[in-house]
C-alpha atoms as a PDB file:
ATOM      1  CA  UNK A   1     -27.976 -10.199 -43.837  1.00  0.00           C
ATOM      2  CA  UNK A   2     -27.129  -7.594 -41.235  1.00  0.00           C
ATOM      3  CA  UNK A   3     -23.686  -6.081 -41.589  1.00  0.00           C
ATOM      4  CA  UNK A   4     -21.534  -4.284 -39.039  1.00  0.00           C
ATOM      5  CA  UNK A   5     -21.252  -0.509 -39.097  1.00  0.00           C
ATOM      6  CA  UNK A   6     -19.111   1.855 -37.061  1.00  0.00           C
ATOM      7  CA  UNK A   7     -20.798   3.767 -34.273  1.00  0.00           C
ATOM      8  CA  UNK A   8     -19.331   6.510 -32.104  1.00  0.00           C
ATOM      9  CA  UNK A   9     -20.857   5.043 -28.955  1.00  0.00           C
ATOM     10  CA  UNK A  10     -20.610   1.237 -29.228  1.00  0.00           C
ATOM     11  CA  UNK A  11     -17.912   0.477 -31.800  1.00  0.00           C
ATOM     12  CA  UNK A  12     -19.155  -1.986 -34.442  1.00  0.00           C
ATOM     13  CA  UNK A  13     -22.930  -2.537 -34.404  1.00  0.00           C
ATOM     14  CA  UNK A  14     -25.166  -4.850 -36.419  1.00  0.00           C
ATOM     15  CA  UNK A  15     -27.733  -3.285 -38.740  1.00  0.00           C
ATOM     16  CA  UNK A  16     -29.823  -4.664 -41.551  1.00  0.00           C
ATOM     17  CA  UNK A  17     -32.344  -7.043 -42.987  1.00  0.00           C
ATOM     18  CA  UNK A  18     -32.217 -10.538 -41.517  1.00  0.00           C
ATOM     19  CA  UNK A  19     -34.798 -12.498 -43.521  1.00  0.00           C
ATOM     20  CA  UNK A  20     -35.386 -12.041 -47.259  1.00  0.00           C
ATOM     21  CA  UNK A  21     -39.171 -12.405 -46.978  1.00  0.00           C
ATOM     22  CA  UNK A  22     -39.523  -9.648 -44.381  1.00  0.00           C
ATOM     23  CA  UNK A  23     -38.819  -5.939 -44.670  1.00  0.00           C
ATOM     24  CA  UNK A  24     -37.884  -5.763 -40.977  1.00  0.00           C
ATOM     25  CA  UNK A  25     -34.526  -4.277 -40.036  1.00  0.00           C
ATOM     26  CA  UNK A  26     -32.550  -4.688 -36.854  1.00  0.00           C
ATOM     27  CA  UNK A  27     -30.162  -2.362 -35.081  1.00  0.00           C
ATOM     28  CA  UNK A  28     -28.608  -4.570 -32.403  1.00  0.00           C
ATOM     29  CA  UNK A  29     -31.650  -5.206 -30.132  1.00  0.00           C
ATOM     30  CA  UNK A  30     -34.056  -2.817 -31.906  1.00  0.00           C
ATOM     31  CA  UNK A  31     -36.357  -4.061 -34.661  1.00  0.00           C
ATOM     32  CA  UNK A  32     -38.370  -1.898 -37.066  1.00  0.00           C
ATOM     33  CA  UNK A  33     -39.835  -2.180 -40.533  1.00  0.00           C
ATOM     34  CA  UNK A  34     -38.049  -0.602 -43.470  1.00  0.00           C
ATOM     35  CA  UNK A  35     -41.313   1.172 -44.333  1.00  0.00           C
ATOM     36  CA  UNK A  36     -41.158   2.990 -40.992  1.00  0.00           C
ATOM     37  CA  UNK A  37     -37.439   3.768 -41.321  1.00  0.00           C
ATOM     38  CA  UNK A  38     -37.793   5.075 -44.901  1.00  0.00           C
ATOM     39  CA  UNK A  39     -40.874   7.158 -44.084  1.00  0.00           C
ATOM     40  CA  UNK A  40     -39.027   8.671 -41.137  1.00  0.00           C
ATOM     41  CA  UNK A  41     -35.980   9.518 -43.265  1.00  0.00           C
ATOM     42  CA  UNK A  42     -38.322  11.038 -45.884  1.00  0.00           C
ATOM     43  CA  UNK A  43     -39.989  13.267 -43.277  1.00  0.00           C
ATOM     44  CA  UNK A  44     -36.632  14.437 -41.947  1.00  0.00           C
ATOM     45  CA  UNK A  45     -35.393  15.109 -45.487  1.00  0.00           C
ATOM     46  CA  UNK A  46     -38.378  17.389 -46.013  1.00  0.00           C
ATOM     47  CA  UNK A  47     -37.574  19.475 -42.899  1.00  0.00           C
ATOM     48  CA  UNK A  48     -35.792  22.783 -43.369  1.00  0.00           C
ATOM     49  CA  UNK A  49     -32.062  22.439 -42.811  1.00  0.00           C
ATOM     50  CA  UNK A  50     -32.101  24.674 -39.724  1.00  0.00           C
ATOM     51  CA  UNK A  51     -34.694  22.643 -37.807  1.00  0.00           C
ATOM     52  CA  UNK A  52     -33.093  19.498 -36.335  1.00  0.00           C
ATOM     53  CA  UNK A  53     -35.923  18.532 -33.981  1.00  0.00           C
ATOM     54  CA  UNK A  54     -35.887  15.367 -31.875  1.00  0.00           C
ATOM     55  CA  UNK A  55     -38.168  12.703 -33.315  1.00  0.00           C
ATOM     56  CA  UNK A  56     -38.914   9.029 -32.863  1.00  0.00           C
ATOM     57  CA  UNK A  57     -40.316   6.169 -34.871  1.00  0.00           C
ATOM     58  CA  UNK A  58     -42.146   3.004 -33.793  1.00  0.00           C
ATOM     59  CA  UNK A  59     -40.452  -0.327 -33.465  1.00  0.00           C
ATOM     60  CA  UNK A  60     -39.683  -3.072 -30.993  1.00  0.00           C
ATOM     61  CA  UNK A  61     -36.924  -3.884 -28.563  1.00  0.00           C
ATOM     62  CA  UNK A  62     -35.843  -7.339 -27.429  1.00  0.00           C
ATOM     63  CA  UNK A  63     -33.914  -6.989 -24.196  1.00  0.00           C
ATOM     64  CA  UNK A  64     -32.879 -10.625 -23.730  1.00  0.00           C
ATOM     65  CA  UNK A  65     -30.329 -11.750 -26.370  1.00  0.00           C
ATOM     66  CA  UNK A  66     -31.673 -15.328 -26.102  1.00  0.00           C
ATOM     67  CA  UNK A  67     -35.066 -14.035 -27.257  1.00  0.00           C
ATOM     68  CA  UNK A  68     -33.508 -12.494 -30.388  1.00  0.00           C
ATOM     69  CA  UNK A  69     -32.341 -15.922 -31.551  1.00  0.00           C
ATOM     70  CA  UNK A  70     -29.501 -17.434 -33.527  1.00  0.00           C
ATOM     71  CA  UNK A  71     -29.413 -15.996 -37.056  1.00  0.00           C
ATOM     72  CA  UNK A  72     -26.713 -18.293 -38.431  1.00  0.00           C
ATOM     73  CA  UNK A  73     -28.339 -21.358 -36.871  1.00  0.00           C
ATOM     74  CA  UNK A  74     -31.680 -20.380 -38.428  1.00  0.00           C
ATOM     75  CA  UNK A  75     -30.105 -19.723 -41.839  1.00  0.00           C
ATOM     76  CA  UNK A  76     -28.448 -23.154 -41.803  1.00  0.00           C
ATOM     77  CA  UNK A  77     -31.617 -24.804 -40.487  1.00  0.00           C
ATOM     78  CA  UNK A  78     -29.850 -26.199 -37.437  1.00  0.00           C
ATOM     79  CA  UNK A  79     -31.054 -23.992 -34.584  1.00  0.00           C
ATOM     80  CA  UNK A  80     -34.385 -22.186 -34.453  1.00  0.00           C
ATOM     81  CA  UNK A  81     -34.412 -20.102 -31.290  1.00  0.00           C
ATOM     82  CA  UNK A  82     -36.102 -16.867 -30.312  1.00  0.00           C
ATOM     83  CA  UNK A  83     -37.840 -14.467 -32.669  1.00  0.00           C
ATOM     84  CA  UNK A  84     -35.408 -15.067 -35.539  1.00  0.00           C
ATOM     85  CA  UNK A  85     -35.903 -18.831 -35.226  1.00  0.00           C
ATOM     86  CA  UNK A  86     -39.685 -18.418 -35.400  1.00  0.00           C
ATOM     87  CA  UNK A  87     -39.339 -16.198 -38.459  1.00  0.00           C
ATOM     88  CA  UNK A  88     -37.087 -18.718 -40.241  1.00  0.00           C
ATOM     89  CA  UNK A  89     -39.474 -21.563 -39.434  1.00  0.00           C
ATOM     90  CA  UNK A  90     -42.116 -19.570 -41.302  1.00  0.00           C
ATOM     91  CA  UNK A  91     -39.789 -18.246 -44.050  1.00  0.00           C
ATOM     92  CA  UNK A  92     -36.782 -20.603 -44.348  1.00  0.00           C
ATOM     93  CA  UNK A  93     -33.547 -19.761 -46.094  1.00  0.00           C
ATOM     94  CA  UNK A  94     -33.838 -20.645 -49.804  1.00  0.00           C
ATOM     95  CA  UNK A  95     -32.499 -24.023 -50.888  1.00  0.00           C
ATOM     96  CA  UNK A  96     -30.740 -22.470 -53.886  1.00  0.00           C
ATOM     97  CA  UNK A  97     -28.255 -19.769 -52.776  1.00  0.00           C
ATOM     98  CA  UNK A  98     -28.988 -17.936 -56.069  1.00  0.00           C
ATOM     99  CA  UNK A  99     -32.472 -17.222 -54.654  1.00  0.00           C
ATOM    100  CA  UNK A 100     -30.953 -15.351 -51.705  1.00  0.00           C
ATOM    101  CA  UNK A 101     -32.240 -11.891 -52.659  1.00  0.00           C
ATOM    102  CA  UNK A 102     -34.206  -9.383 -50.589  1.00  0.00           C
ATOM    103  CA  UNK A 103     -37.875  -9.539 -51.608  1.00  0.00           C
ATOM    104  CA  UNK A 104     -39.137  -6.061 -52.642  1.00  0.00           C
ATOM    105  CA  UNK A 105     -42.615  -7.268 -51.619  1.00  0.00           C
ATOM    106  CA  UNK A 106     -41.461  -8.111 -48.097  1.00  0.00           C
ATOM    107  CA  UNK A 107     -43.960  -5.617 -46.702  1.00  0.00           C
ATOM    108  CA  UNK A 108     -46.668  -8.211 -47.360  1.00  0.00           C
ATOM    109  CA  UNK A 109     -45.382 -10.281 -44.437  1.00  0.00           C
ATOM    110  CA  UNK A 110     -45.628  -7.479 -41.857  1.00  0.00           C
ATOM    111  CA  UNK A 111     -48.749  -8.864 -40.139  1.00  0.00           C
ATOM    112  CA  UNK A 112     -47.101 -12.280 -39.750  1.00  0.00           C
ATOM    113  CA  UNK A 113     -43.886 -10.707 -38.442  1.00  0.00           C
ATOM    114  CA  UNK A 114     -45.822  -8.555 -35.942  1.00  0.00           C
ATOM    115  CA  UNK A 115     -47.563 -11.669 -34.636  1.00  0.00           C
ATOM    116  CA  UNK A 116     -44.237 -13.483 -34.202  1.00  0.00           C
ATOM    117  CA  UNK A 117     -42.270 -10.641 -32.608  1.00  0.00           C
ATOM    118  CA  UNK A 118     -44.882  -9.808 -29.982  1.00  0.00           C
ATOM    119  CA  UNK A 119     -43.940 -13.060 -28.184  1.00  0.00           C
ATOM    120  CA  UNK A 120     -40.415 -11.743 -27.567  1.00  0.00           C
ATOM    121  CA  UNK A 121     -40.373  -7.956 -27.778  1.00  0.00           C
ATOM    122  CA  UNK A 122     -41.970  -4.887 -26.353  1.00  0.00           C
ATOM    123  CA  UNK A 123     -43.136  -1.941 -28.405  1.00  0.00           C
ATOM    124  CA  UNK A 124     -40.707   0.986 -28.379  1.00  0.00           C
ATOM    125  CA  UNK A 125     -40.671   4.511 -29.707  1.00  0.00           C
ATOM    126  CA  UNK A 126     -37.099   4.701 -30.943  1.00  0.00           C
ATOM    127  CA  UNK A 127     -35.645   8.194 -30.402  1.00  0.00           C
ATOM    128  CA  UNK A 128     -33.883   9.762 -33.374  1.00  0.00           C
ATOM    129  CA  UNK A 129     -31.861  12.965 -32.928  1.00  0.00           C
ATOM    130  CA  UNK A 130     -29.334  14.767 -35.085  1.00  0.00           C
ATOM    131  CA  UNK A 131     -27.354  17.905 -34.335  1.00  0.00           C
ATOM    132  CA  UNK A 132     -27.642  21.254 -36.141  1.00  0.00           C
ATOM    133  CA  UNK A 133     -25.048  20.574 -38.823  1.00  0.00           C
ATOM    134  CA  UNK A 134     -26.031  16.904 -39.272  1.00  0.00           C
ATOM    135  CA  UNK A 135     -22.607  15.621 -38.264  1.00  0.00           C
ATOM    136  CA  UNK A 136     -23.835  13.409 -35.413  1.00  0.00           C
ATOM    137  CA  UNK A 137     -26.923  11.214 -35.334  1.00  0.00           C
ATOM    138  CA  UNK A 138     -28.338   9.302 -32.380  1.00  0.00           C
ATOM    139  CA  UNK A 139     -30.725   6.374 -32.636  1.00  0.00           C
ATOM    140  CA  UNK A 140     -31.589   5.832 -28.982  1.00  0.00           C
ATOM    141  CA  UNK A 141     -28.242   4.934 -27.340  1.00  0.00           C
ATOM    142  CA  UNK A 142     -26.370   4.418 -30.622  1.00  0.00           C
ATOM    143  CA  UNK A 143     -24.448   7.447 -31.925  1.00  0.00           C
ATOM    144  CA  UNK A 144     -23.165   7.678 -35.487  1.00  0.00           C
ATOM    145  CA  UNK A 145     -21.172  10.192 -37.460  1.00  0.00           C
ATOM    146  CA  UNK A 146     -22.670  11.338 -40.762  1.00  0.00           C
ATOM    147  CA  UNK A 147     -20.601   8.930 -42.866  1.00  0.00           C
ATOM    148  CA  UNK A 148     -21.647   5.848 -40.898  1.00  0.00           C
ATOM    149  CA  UNK A 149     -25.268   6.978 -40.796  1.00  0.00           C
ATOM    150  CA  UNK A 150     -25.240   7.445 -44.564  1.00  0.00           C
ATOM    151  CA  UNK A 151     -24.002   3.859 -44.842  1.00  0.00           C
ATOM    152  CA  UNK A 152     -27.142   2.662 -43.006  1.00  0.00           C
ATOM    153  CA  UNK A 153     -29.365   4.489 -45.490  1.00  0.00           C
ATOM    154  CA  UNK A 154     -27.291   3.253 -48.447  1.00  0.00           C
ATOM    155  CA  UNK A 155     -27.641  -0.316 -47.145  1.00  0.00           C
ATOM    156  CA  UNK A 156     -31.451  -0.024 -47.202  1.00  0.00           C
ATOM    157  CA  UNK A 157     -31.362   1.631 -50.647  1.00  0.00           C
ATOM    158  CA  UNK A 158     -29.322  -1.275 -52.058  1.00  0.00           C
ATOM    159  CA  UNK A 159     -31.412  -3.989 -50.387  1.00  0.00           C
ATOM    160  CA  UNK A 160     -28.612  -4.824 -48.003  1.00  0.00           C
ATOM    161  CA  UNK A 161     -26.652  -7.934 -48.618  1.00  0.00           C
ATOM    162  CA  UNK A 162     -27.765  -9.716 -50.915  1.00  0.00           C
ATOM    163  CA  UNK A 163     -29.471  -6.747 -52.712  1.00  0.00           C
ATOM    164  CA  UNK A 164     -33.033  -6.367 -53.988  1.00  0.00           C
ATOM    165  CA  UNK A 165     -34.440  -9.269 -55.994  1.00  0.00           C
ATOM    166  CA  UNK A 166     -34.302  -8.538 -59.742  1.00  0.00           C
ATOM    167  CA  UNK A 167     -32.971  -5.044 -58.918  1.00  0.00           C
ATOM    168  CA  UNK A 168     -36.515  -3.889 -58.031  1.00  0.00           C
ATOM    169  CA  UNK A 169     -36.813  -1.507 -55.099  1.00  0.00           C
ATOM    170  CA  UNK A 170     -40.012  -1.041 -53.073  1.00  0.00           C
ATOM    171  CA  UNK A 171     -41.907   2.232 -53.481  1.00  0.00           C
ATOM    172  CA  UNK A 172     -41.090   3.410 -49.934  1.00  0.00           C
ATOM    173  CA  UNK A 173     -37.356   3.035 -50.637  1.00  0.00           C
ATOM    174  CA  UNK A 174     -37.634   4.978 -53.914  1.00  0.00           C
ATOM    175  CA  UNK A 175     -39.666   7.688 -52.165  1.00  0.00           C
ATOM    176  CA  UNK A 176     -36.985   7.989 -49.466  1.00  0.00           C
ATOM    177  CA  UNK A 177     -34.277   8.370 -52.116  1.00  0.00           C
ATOM    178  CA  UNK A 178     -36.276  11.053 -53.945  1.00  0.00           C
ATOM    179  CA  UNK A 179     -36.852  13.026 -50.734  1.00  0.00           C
ATOM    180  CA  UNK A 180     -33.203  12.771 -49.728  1.00  0.00           C
ATOM    181  CA  UNK A 181     -31.937  13.793 -53.175  1.00  0.00           C
ATOM    182  CA  UNK A 182     -34.029  16.985 -53.007  1.00  0.00           C
ATOM    183  CA  UNK A 183     -33.286  17.720 -49.357  1.00  0.00           C
ATOM    184  CA  UNK A 184     -31.402  20.763 -48.156  1.00  0.00           C
ATOM    185  CA  UNK A 185     -31.057  19.221 -44.709  1.00  0.00           C
ATOM    186  CA  UNK A 186     -27.356  18.967 -43.820  1.00  0.00           C
ATOM    187  CA  UNK A 187     -27.953  15.521 -42.363  1.00  0.00           C
ATOM    188  CA  UNK A 188     -28.031  14.117 -45.922  1.00  0.00           C
ATOM    189  CA  UNK A 189     -25.212  16.225 -47.360  1.00  0.00           C
ATOM    190  CA  UNK A 190     -22.869  14.066 -49.450  1.00  0.00           C
ATOM    191  CA  UNK A 191     -24.947  10.876 -49.414  1.00  0.00           C
ATOM    192  CA  UNK A 192     -24.672   8.745 -52.561  1.00  0.00           C
ATOM    193  CA  UNK A 193     -27.789   6.759 -53.459  1.00  0.00           C
ATOM    194  CA  UNK A 194     -26.946   5.424 -56.917  1.00  0.00           C
END
């Protein structure tokens, strides 16, 4: 489930996984796979600390809120609208709430998810910028301080809410953690990935 996080630019914003069988993340109206996000964080972690260069990573944007869909309606099986509704028709919420765990093999559904989202979204290169001392991070129009940005990374590391199924993390998430833990880039200073 996406959670709300503090941003400097827009107050509380939604970020996170929104279907346990997909590794796709959302940030308000942006959608991108966790593989892409983790690989991007890994590349930045490997940059020297004095080189905060502007970058971007591929994803999608859905401009019309109606086209995003009704997450709670889809979870409860009462309202399947937009992209999220299509995704929940394909991968419904589990009947047993104990099965509500993020699938570490969610990357296997990427081709299906790409087919579904193309009916609602347009491809976007999502700009990612951080300042010299890593105290401010911008993901397109959304600005975060270091603490809030670290919370986004920690969310992915943990498997969001409800956490990774059986405590097993995907390889791309483990690789991101390893790169960040060895990084000298100030952007990751003080992050706790336990």
